C-alpha atoms as a PDB file:
ATOM      1  CA  UNK A   1     -27.261 -18.914   5.381  1.00  0.00           C
ATOM      2  CA  UNK A   2     -26.486 -22.270   3.690  1.00  0.00           C
ATOM      3  CA  UNK A   3     -23.890 -24.631   5.601  1.00  0.00           C
ATOM      4  CA  UNK A   4     -22.953 -21.962   7.885  1.00  0.00           C
ATOM      5  CA  UNK A   5     -21.234 -19.907   5.046  1.00  0.00           C
ATOM      6  CA  UNK A   6     -23.666 -16.301   3.254  1.00  0.00           C
ATOM      7  CA  UNK A   7     -22.487 -14.780   0.044  1.00  0.00           C
ATOM      8  CA  UNK A   8     -21.574 -10.182   1.683  1.00  0.00           C
ATOM      9  CA  UNK A   9     -21.387  -8.290  -2.392  1.00  0.00           C
ATOM     10  CA  UNK A  10     -19.773  -5.151  -1.524  1.00  0.00           C
ATOM     11  CA  UNK A  11     -18.982  -2.136  -3.748  1.00  0.00           C
ATOM     12  CA  UNK A  12     -15.232  -1.465  -4.213  1.00  0.00           C
ATOM     13  CA  UNK A  13     -16.017   1.970  -3.151  1.00  0.00           C
ATOM     14  CA  UNK A  14     -16.999   0.633   0.201  1.00  0.00           C
ATOM     15  CA  UNK A  15     -14.544  -2.540   0.692  1.00  0.00           C
ATOM     16  CA  UNK A  16     -11.818  -0.312   2.925  1.00  0.00           C
ATOM     17  CA  UNK A  17     -15.113   0.317   5.538  1.00  0.00           C
ATOM     18  CA  UNK A  18     -17.033  -3.056   5.259  1.00  0.00           C
ATOM     19  CA  UNK A  19     -13.422  -4.268   6.083  1.00  0.00           C
ATOM     20  CA  UNK A  20     -12.453  -2.582   8.518  1.00  0.00           C
ATOM     21  CA  UNK A  21     -15.453  -1.925  10.333  1.00  0.00           C
ATOM     22  CA  UNK A  22     -16.181  -6.155  10.381  1.00  0.00           C
ATOM     23  CA  UNK A  23     -12.621  -6.360  11.262  1.00  0.00           C
ATOM     24  CA  UNK A  24     -12.158  -9.347   8.581  1.00  0.00           C
ATOM     25  CA  UNK A  25      -8.361  -8.733   8.743  1.00  0.00           C
ATOM     26  CA  UNK A  26      -7.641  -9.017  12.229  1.00  0.00           C
ATOM     27  CA  UNK A  27      -6.199 -12.329  13.370  1.00  0.00           C
ATOM     28  CA  UNK A  28      -7.663 -13.748  16.686  1.00  0.00           C
ATOM     29  CA  UNK A  29      -7.556 -16.686  18.035  1.00  0.00           C
ATOM     30  CA  UNK A  30     -10.489 -17.681  20.296  1.00  0.00           C
ATOM     31  CA  UNK A  31     -13.082 -17.676  17.719  1.00  0.00           C
ATOM     32  CA  UNK A  32     -15.986 -15.585  19.868  1.00  0.00           C
ATOM     33  CA  UNK A  33     -13.861 -13.135  19.516  1.00  0.00           C
ATOM     34  CA  UNK A  34     -14.023 -12.886  15.733  1.00  0.00           C
ATOM     35  CA  UNK A  35     -16.718 -15.058  14.277  1.00  0.00           C
ATOM     36  CA  UNK A  36     -16.506 -14.019  10.743  1.00  0.00           C
ATOM     37  CA  UNK A  37     -14.273 -14.744   8.819  1.00  0.00           C
ATOM     38  CA  UNK A  38     -13.494 -14.360   4.145  1.00  0.00           C
ATOM     39  CA  UNK A  39     -12.481 -16.592   2.021  1.00  0.00           C
ATOM     40  CA  UNK A  40     -11.292 -15.097   0.165  1.00  0.00           C
ATOM     41  CA  UNK A  41      -8.496 -12.762   2.204  1.00  0.00           C
ATOM     42  CA  UNK A  42      -5.868 -12.819  -0.244  1.00  0.00           C
ATOM     43  CA  UNK A  43      -7.971 -11.312  -3.124  1.00  0.00           C
ATOM     44  CA  UNK A  44      -9.355  -8.761  -0.579  1.00  0.00           C
ATOM     45  CA  UNK A  45      -5.669  -7.235   0.424  1.00  0.00           C
ATOM     46  CA  UNK A  46      -5.270  -7.297  -3.022  1.00  0.00           C
ATOM     47  CA  UNK A  47      -7.959  -4.933  -3.830  1.00  0.00           C
ATOM     48  CA  UNK A  48      -7.378  -3.105  -0.918  1.00  0.00           C
ATOM     49  CA  UNK A  49      -3.459  -2.124  -2.111  1.00  0.00           C
ATOM     50  CA  UNK A  50      -4.603  -0.541  -5.737  1.00  0.00           C
ATOM     51  CA  UNK A  51      -4.880   2.522  -6.532  1.00  0.00           C
ATOM     52  CA  UNK A  52      -8.157   2.744  -7.359  1.00  0.00           C
ATOM     53  CA  UNK A  53      -9.661   0.886  -4.310  1.00  0.00           C
ATOM     54  CA  UNK A  54      -7.699   4.525  -2.803  1.00  0.00           C
ATOM     55  CA  UNK A  55      -9.586   6.620  -4.623  1.00  0.00           C
ATOM     56  CA  UNK A  56      -7.053   7.893  -6.545  1.00  0.00           C
ATOM     57  CA  UNK A  57      -6.685   7.360 -10.941  1.00  0.00           C
ATOM     58  CA  UNK A  58      -3.686   7.085 -12.579  1.00  0.00           C
ATOM     59  CA  UNK A  59      -2.010  10.279 -14.964  1.00  0.00           C
END
């Protein structure tokens, strides 16, 4: 960790599990409740909505 930030690399197949487990999409007003926040939340939301991230294939 440097300057209060770190990078967590996650495979797309595990993305939903990690985001859910760490409650990264939850909004909390109290920083003591939510101590981890995502810098790229909108990008992650798009990936979670894509059919490929849910294990579905086209066809």
